[in-house]
PDB file of N, CA and C in Angstrom:
ATOM      1  N   UNK A   1       3.252  -8.800  -7.023  1.00  0.00           N
ATOM      2  CA  UNK A   1       1.711  -8.909  -6.783  1.00  0.00           C
ATOM      3  C   UNK A   1       1.638  -7.549  -7.876  1.00  0.00           C
ATOM      4  N   UNK A   2       0.550  -7.382  -8.445  1.00  0.00           N
ATOM      5  CA  UNK A   2       0.222  -6.785  -9.497  1.00  0.00           C
ATOM      6  C   UNK A   2      -1.024  -5.822  -8.343  1.00  0.00           C
ATOM      7  N   UNK A   3      -0.943  -4.375  -8.871  1.00  0.00           N
ATOM      8  CA  UNK A   3      -1.765  -3.441  -8.415  1.00  0.00           C
ATOM      9  C   UNK A   3      -3.389  -3.576  -8.309  1.00  0.00           C
ATOM     10  N   UNK A   4      -3.703  -4.450  -8.893  1.00  0.00           N
ATOM     11  CA  UNK A   4      -5.084  -5.044  -9.069  1.00  0.00           C
ATOM     12  C   UNK A   4      -4.784  -5.695  -7.554  1.00  0.00           C
ATOM     13  N   UNK A   5      -4.444  -6.690  -7.404  1.00  0.00           N
ATOM     14  CA  UNK A   5      -4.669  -7.754  -6.491  1.00  0.00           C
ATOM     15  C   UNK A   5      -3.724  -6.809  -5.116  1.00  0.00           C
ATOM     16  N   UNK A   6      -3.074  -5.873  -5.379  1.00  0.00           N
ATOM     17  CA  UNK A   6      -3.123  -4.624  -4.059  1.00  0.00           C
ATOM     18  C   UNK A   6      -4.266  -4.158  -3.830  1.00  0.00           C
ATOM     19  N   UNK A   7      -4.844  -3.497  -4.967  1.00  0.00           N
ATOM     20  CA  UNK A   7      -5.879  -2.534  -4.322  1.00  0.00           C
ATOM     21  C   UNK A   7      -7.071  -3.491  -3.744  1.00  0.00           C
ATOM     22  N   UNK A   8      -7.162  -4.764  -4.365  1.00  0.00           N
ATOM     23  CA  UNK A   8      -8.256  -5.604  -4.018  1.00  0.00           C
ATOM     24  C   UNK A   8      -7.970  -5.960  -2.237  1.00  0.00           C
ATOM     25  N   UNK A   9      -6.904  -6.225  -1.800  1.00  0.00           N
ATOM     26  CA  UNK A   9      -6.418  -6.066  -0.621  1.00  0.00           C
ATOM     27  C   UNK A   9      -6.441  -4.797   0.284  1.00  0.00           C
ATOM     28  N   UNK A  10      -5.928  -3.637  -0.396  1.00  0.00           N
ATOM     29  CA  UNK A  10      -5.993  -2.150   0.298  1.00  0.00           C
ATOM     30  C   UNK A  10      -7.891  -1.821   0.738  1.00  0.00           C
ATOM     31  N   UNK A  11      -8.877  -2.303  -0.321  1.00  0.00           N
ATOM     32  CA  UNK A  11     -10.102  -2.040  -0.022  1.00  0.00           C
ATOM     33  C   UNK A  11     -11.252  -3.035   0.730  1.00  0.00           C
ATOM     34  N   UNK A  12     -10.035  -3.969   1.525  1.00  0.00           N
ATOM     35  CA  UNK A  12     -10.573  -5.194   2.366  1.00  0.00           C
ATOM     36  C   UNK A  12      -9.866  -4.470   4.168  1.00  0.00           C
ATOM     37  N   UNK A  13      -8.903  -3.523   3.786  1.00  0.00           N
ATOM     38  CA  UNK A  13      -8.454  -2.992   5.111  1.00  0.00           C
ATOM     39  C   UNK A  13      -9.180  -2.204   5.746  1.00  0.00           C
ATOM     40  N   UNK A  14      -8.917  -1.987   7.134  1.00  0.00           N
ATOM     41  CA  UNK A  14      -9.634  -1.269   8.064  1.00  0.00           C
ATOM     42  C   UNK A  14      -9.041   0.121   8.437  1.00  0.00           C
ATOM     43  N   UNK A  15      -9.057   1.238   8.636  1.00  0.00           N
ATOM     44  CA  UNK A  15      -8.582   2.566   8.557  1.00  0.00           C
ATOM     45  C   UNK A  15      -7.470   2.027  10.133  1.00  0.00           C
ATOM     46  N   UNK A  16      -6.024   2.204   9.781  1.00  0.00           N
ATOM     47  CA  UNK A  16      -5.147   2.102  10.679  1.00  0.00           C
ATOM     48  C   UNK A  16      -4.440   0.945  10.504  1.00  0.00           C
ATOM     49  N   UNK A  17      -4.902  -0.142   9.964  1.00  0.00           N
ATOM     50  CA  UNK A  17      -4.522  -1.723   9.393  1.00  0.00           C
ATOM     51  C   UNK A  17      -2.842  -1.471   8.715  1.00  0.00           C
ATOM     52  N   UNK A  18      -2.329  -2.173   9.134  1.00  0.00           N
ATOM     53  CA  UNK A  18      -0.917  -2.743   8.899  1.00  0.00           C
ATOM     54  C   UNK A  18      -0.990  -3.774   7.527  1.00  0.00           C
ATOM     55  N   UNK A  19      -0.580  -3.821   6.241  1.00  0.00           N
ATOM     56  CA  UNK A  19      -0.972  -5.050   5.245  1.00  0.00           C
ATOM     57  C   UNK A  19       0.970  -5.256   5.198  1.00  0.00           C
ATOM     58  N   UNK A  20       1.319  -6.748   4.671  1.00  0.00           N
ATOM     59  CA  UNK A  20       2.588  -6.665   3.659  1.00  0.00           C
ATOM     60  C   UNK A  20       2.202  -7.707   2.110  1.00  0.00           C
ATOM     61  N   UNK A  21       3.024  -6.923   1.532  1.00  0.00           N
ATOM     62  CA  UNK A  21       2.536  -7.067   0.035  1.00  0.00           C
ATOM     63  C   UNK A  21       4.177  -7.513  -0.054  1.00  0.00           C
ATOM     64  N   UNK A  22       4.366  -8.596  -0.989  1.00  0.00           N
ATOM     65  CA  UNK A  22       5.264  -9.400  -1.408  1.00  0.00           C
ATOM     66  C   UNK A  22       5.585  -8.823  -3.167  1.00  0.00           C
ATOM     67  N   UNK A  23       6.436  -8.310  -3.418  1.00  0.00           N
ATOM     68  CA  UNK A  23       6.549  -7.606  -4.722  1.00  0.00           C
ATOM     69  C   UNK A  23       7.796  -8.397  -5.773  1.00  0.00           C
ATOM     70  N   UNK A  24       7.830  -8.772  -6.682  1.00  0.00           N
ATOM     71  CA  UNK A  24       8.928  -8.713  -7.532  1.00  0.00           C
ATOM     72  C   UNK A  24       9.601  -7.763  -7.910  1.00  0.00           C
ATOM     73  N   UNK A  25      11.097  -7.990  -8.575  1.00  0.00           N
ATOM     74  CA  UNK A  25      11.625  -6.606  -9.352  1.00  0.00           C
ATOM     75  C   UNK A  25      10.880  -6.120 -10.583  1.00  0.00           C
ATOM     76  N   UNK A  26      11.775  -5.219 -11.248  1.00  0.00           N
ATOM     77  CA  UNK A  26      11.164  -4.960 -12.133  1.00  0.00           C
ATOM     78  C   UNK A  26      10.134  -3.579 -12.226  1.00  0.00           C
ATOM     79  N   UNK A  27       8.673  -3.745 -12.876  1.00  0.00           N
ATOM     80  CA  UNK A  27       7.956  -2.680 -13.020  1.00  0.00           C
ATOM     81  C   UNK A  27       6.822  -3.002 -11.523  1.00  0.00           C
ATOM     82  N   UNK A  28       6.550  -3.947 -11.356  1.00  0.00           N
ATOM     83  CA  UNK A  28       5.437  -4.126 -10.062  1.00  0.00           C
ATOM     84  C   UNK A  28       6.651  -3.295  -9.125  1.00  0.00           C
ATOM     85  N   UNK A  29       8.228  -3.881  -8.839  1.00  0.00           N
ATOM     86  CA  UNK A  29       8.451  -2.890  -7.727  1.00  0.00           C
ATOM     87  C   UNK A  29       8.513  -1.016  -7.875  1.00  0.00           C
ATOM     88  N   UNK A  30       8.377  -0.813  -9.303  1.00  0.00           N
ATOM     89  CA  UNK A  30       8.648   0.685  -8.941  1.00  0.00           C
ATOM     90  C   UNK A  30       6.816   1.403  -9.160  1.00  0.00           C
ATOM     91  N   UNK A  31       6.010   0.248  -9.951  1.00  0.00           N
ATOM     92  CA  UNK A  31       4.564   0.653  -9.898  1.00  0.00           C
ATOM     93  C   UNK A  31       3.540   0.602  -8.514  1.00  0.00           C
ATOM     94  N   UNK A  32       3.929  -0.832  -7.914  1.00  0.00           N
ATOM     95  CA  UNK A  32       2.887  -0.598  -6.679  1.00  0.00           C
ATOM     96  C   UNK A  32       3.278   0.208  -5.775  1.00  0.00           C
ATOM     97  N   UNK A  33       3.969   0.551  -4.778  1.00  0.00           N
ATOM     98  CA  UNK A  33       4.362   1.577  -4.441  1.00  0.00           C
ATOM     99  C   UNK A  33       4.127   2.780  -4.516  1.00  0.00           C
ATOM    100  N   UNK A  34       4.070   3.352  -5.692  1.00  0.00           N
ATOM    101  CA  UNK A  34       3.969   4.484  -5.988  1.00  0.00           C
ATOM    102  C   UNK A  34       2.347   4.775  -6.101  1.00  0.00           C
ATOM    103  N   UNK A  35       1.570   3.520  -6.760  1.00  0.00           N
ATOM    104  CA  UNK A  35      -0.050   3.763  -6.594  1.00  0.00           C
ATOM    105  C   UNK A  35      -0.713   3.670  -5.663  1.00  0.00           C
ATOM    106  N   UNK A  36      -0.250   2.850  -4.592  1.00  0.00           N
ATOM    107  CA  UNK A  36      -0.530   3.023  -2.965  1.00  0.00           C
ATOM    108  C   UNK A  36      -0.721   4.314  -2.424  1.00  0.00           C
ATOM    109  N   UNK A  37       0.832   4.876  -2.708  1.00  0.00           N
ATOM    110  CA  UNK A  37       1.047   5.925  -1.999  1.00  0.00           C
ATOM    111  C   UNK A  37       0.032   6.700  -2.679  1.00  0.00           C
ATOM    112  N   UNK A  38      -0.234   7.309  -4.213  1.00  0.00           N
ATOM    113  CA  UNK A  38      -0.843   8.075  -4.688  1.00  0.00           C
ATOM    114  C   UNK A  38      -2.702   7.879  -4.339  1.00  0.00           C
ATOM    115  N   UNK A  39      -2.859   6.254  -3.890  1.00  0.00           N
ATOM    116  CA  UNK A  39      -4.628   6.469  -2.878  1.00  0.00           C
ATOM    117  C   UNK A  39      -4.320   6.416  -1.604  1.00  0.00           C
ATOM    118  N   UNK A  40      -3.364   7.418  -1.458  1.00  0.00           N
ATOM    119  CA  UNK A  40      -3.777   7.818  -0.039  1.00  0.00           C
ATOM    120  C   UNK A  40      -3.072   7.063   1.094  1.00  0.00           C
ATOM    121  N   UNK A  41      -2.391   6.234   1.316  1.00  0.00           N
ATOM    122  CA  UNK A  41      -1.941   5.230   1.894  1.00  0.00           C
ATOM    123  C   UNK A  41      -0.469   5.516   2.265  1.00  0.00           C
ATOM    124  N   UNK A  42      -0.077   4.837   3.880  1.00  0.00           N
ATOM    125  CA  UNK A  42       1.327   5.255   3.782  1.00  0.00           C
ATOM    126  C   UNK A  42       1.920   4.255   3.489  1.00  0.00           C
ATOM    127  N   UNK A  43       3.358   4.133   2.844  1.00  0.00           N
ATOM    128  CA  UNK A  43       4.351   3.089   3.073  1.00  0.00           C
ATOM    129  C   UNK A  43       5.042   3.368   3.684  1.00  0.00           C
ATOM    130  N   UNK A  44       5.237   2.593   4.707  1.00  0.00           N
ATOM    131  CA  UNK A  44       5.827   2.485   5.387  1.00  0.00           C
ATOM    132  C   UNK A  44       7.303   2.037   5.451  1.00  0.00           C
ATOM    133  N   UNK A  45       7.500   0.720   4.929  1.00  0.00           N
ATOM    134  CA  UNK A  45       9.346   0.137   4.445  1.00  0.00           C
ATOM    135  C   UNK A  45       8.942  -0.471   2.866  1.00  0.00           C
ATOM    136  N   UNK A  46      10.345  -1.024   2.659  1.00  0.00           N
ATOM    137  CA  UNK A  46      10.178  -1.053   1.569  1.00  0.00           C
ATOM    138  C   UNK A  46      11.547  -2.065   1.651  1.00  0.00           C
ATOM    139  N   UNK A  47      11.610  -3.371   1.618  1.00  0.00           N
ATOM    140  CA  UNK A  47      12.808  -4.237   1.921  1.00  0.00           C
ATOM    141  C   UNK A  47      13.428  -5.379   0.985  1.00  0.00           C
ATOM    142  N   UNK A  48      14.501  -5.581   0.540  1.00  0.00           N
ATOM    143  CA  UNK A  48      14.699  -6.353   0.275  1.00  0.00           C
ATOM    144  C   UNK A  48      14.192  -7.885   0.998  1.00  0.00           C
ATOM    145  N   UNK A  49      13.481  -8.723   0.045  1.00  0.00           N
ATOM    146  CA  UNK A  49      13.039 -10.239   1.054  1.00  0.00           C
ATOM    147  C   UNK A  49      13.977 -11.116   0.981  1.00  0.00           C
ATOM    148  N   UNK A  50      14.250 -11.547  -0.658  1.00  0.00           N
ATOM    149  CA  UNK A  50      15.398 -12.515  -1.073  1.00  0.00           C
ATOM    150  C   UNK A  50      15.148 -12.571  -2.504  1.00  0.00           C
ATOM    151  N   UNK A  51      15.567 -13.394  -3.160  1.00  0.00           N
ATOM    152  CA  UNK A  51      16.683 -12.868  -4.737  1.00  0.00           C
ATOM    153  C   UNK A  51      15.411 -12.000  -5.240  1.00  0.00           C
ATOM    154  N   UNK A  52      15.772 -11.208  -5.635  1.00  0.00           N
ATOM    155  CA  UNK A  52      14.248 -10.216  -6.301  1.00  0.00           C
ATOM    156  C   UNK A  52      12.759 -10.186  -5.858  1.00  0.00           C
ATOM    157  N   UNK A  53      12.639 -10.673  -4.586  1.00  0.00           N
ATOM    158  CA  UNK A  53      11.349 -10.577  -3.867  1.00  0.00           C
ATOM    159  C   UNK A  53      11.293  -9.512  -3.020  1.00  0.00           C
ATOM    160  N   UNK A  54      10.482  -8.288  -2.903  1.00  0.00           N
ATOM    161  CA  UNK A  54      10.535  -7.157  -1.887  1.00  0.00           C
ATOM    162  C   UNK A  54       9.276  -7.007  -1.322  1.00  0.00           C
ATOM    163  N   UNK A  55       9.593  -7.122   0.073  1.00  0.00           N
ATOM    164  CA  UNK A  55       8.504  -6.887   1.088  1.00  0.00           C
ATOM    165  C   UNK A  55       7.781  -4.933   1.361  1.00  0.00           C
ATOM    166  N   UNK A  56       6.855  -4.923   0.654  1.00  0.00           N
ATOM    167  CA  UNK A  56       6.192  -3.377   1.036  1.00  0.00           C
ATOM    168  C   UNK A  56       5.416  -3.479   2.075  1.00  0.00           C
ATOM    169  N   UNK A  57       5.479  -2.746   3.046  1.00  0.00           N
ATOM    170  CA  UNK A  57       4.475  -2.851   4.195  1.00  0.00           C
ATOM    171  C   UNK A  57       3.453  -1.395   4.060  1.00  0.00           C
ATOM    172  N   UNK A  58       2.047  -1.758   4.161  1.00  0.00           N
ATOM    173  CA  UNK A  58       1.738  -0.316   4.036  1.00  0.00           C
ATOM    174  C   UNK A  58       0.535  -0.112   5.094  1.00  0.00           C
ATOM    175  N   UNK A  59       0.207   1.120   5.477  1.00  0.00           N
ATOM    176  CA  UNK A  59      -0.996   1.497   6.455  1.00  0.00           C
ATOM    177  C   UNK A  59      -2.339   2.324   5.748  1.00  0.00           C
ATOM    178  N   UNK A  60      -3.265   1.470   5.714  1.00  0.00           N
ATOM    179  CA  UNK A  60      -4.455   2.427   5.665  1.00  0.00           C
ATOM    180  C   UNK A  60      -4.468   3.635   6.238  1.00  0.00           C
ATOM    181  N   UNK A  61      -4.714   4.876   5.574  1.00  0.00           N
ATOM    182  CA  UNK A  61      -5.110   6.491   6.925  1.00  0.00           C
ATOM    183  C   UNK A  61      -6.523   5.806   7.254  1.00  0.00           C
ATOM    184  N   UNK A  62      -6.361   6.802   8.555  1.00  0.00           N
ATOM    185  CA  UNK A  62      -7.953   6.713   9.188  1.00  0.00           C
ATOM    186  C   UNK A  62      -8.859   7.461   8.384  1.00  0.00           C
ATOM    187  N   UNK A  63     -10.105   7.323   8.269  1.00  0.00           N
ATOM    188  CA  UNK A  63     -11.231   8.439   7.520  1.00  0.00           C
ATOM    189  C   UNK A  63     -11.059   9.436   7.340  1.00  0.00           C
ATOM    190  N   UNK A  64     -11.541  10.169   7.018  1.00  0.00           N
ATOM    191  CA  UNK A  64     -11.332  11.632   6.763  1.00  0.00           C
ATOM    192  C   UNK A  64     -12.792  12.492   7.462  1.00  0.00           C
ATOM    193  N   UNK A  65     -12.582  13.179   8.110  1.00  0.00           N
ATOM    194  CA  UNK A  65     -13.417  13.863   9.162  1.00  0.00           C
ATOM    195  C   UNK A  65     -13.962  14.902   7.783  1.00  0.00           C
ATOM    196  N   UNK A  66     -15.041  15.001   7.658  1.00  0.00           N
ATOM    197  CA  UNK A  66     -15.708  16.911   6.984  1.00  0.00           C
ATOM    198  C   UNK A  66     -16.154  17.490   8.175  1.00  0.00           C
ATOM    199  N   UNK A  67     -16.097  18.338   8.461  1.00  0.00           N
ATOM    200  CA  UNK A  67     -16.239  19.449   9.203  1.00  0.00           C
ATOM    201  C   UNK A  67     -17.241  20.607   8.615  1.00  0.00           C
ATOM    202  N   UNK A  68     -18.306  20.539   8.793  1.00  0.00           N
ATOM    203  CA  UNK A  68     -19.096  21.298   8.587  1.00  0.00           C
ATOM    204  C   UNK A  68     -19.054  22.739   9.179  1.00  0.00           C
ATOM    205  N   UNK A  69     -19.007  23.711   7.949  1.00  0.00           N
ATOM    206  CA  UNK A  69     -19.485  25.094   8.759  1.00  0.00           C
ATOM    207  C   UNK A  69     -20.755  25.739   8.782  1.00  0.00           C
ATOM    208  N   UNK A  70     -20.524  26.203  10.166  1.00  0.00           N
ATOM    209  CA  UNK A  70     -21.721  26.726  10.951  1.00  0.00           C
ATOM    210  C   UNK A  70     -21.857  28.297  10.726  1.00  0.00           C
TER     211      UNK A  70
END
């Protein structure tokens, strides 16, 4: 899966929701977890699933509550 596909999945996720993404080795394995983390999502785990296929588990963060100053 490329980051573009992962980003579409991320946009559909609800706060606190966990999702599984399957990645092949090489560039996607290096780039997708890093980009997901840079977007504020938690990378829960990254494990070898089978030959050159890795399972990435991510979690969408809760919404940021903006505090007003009184």
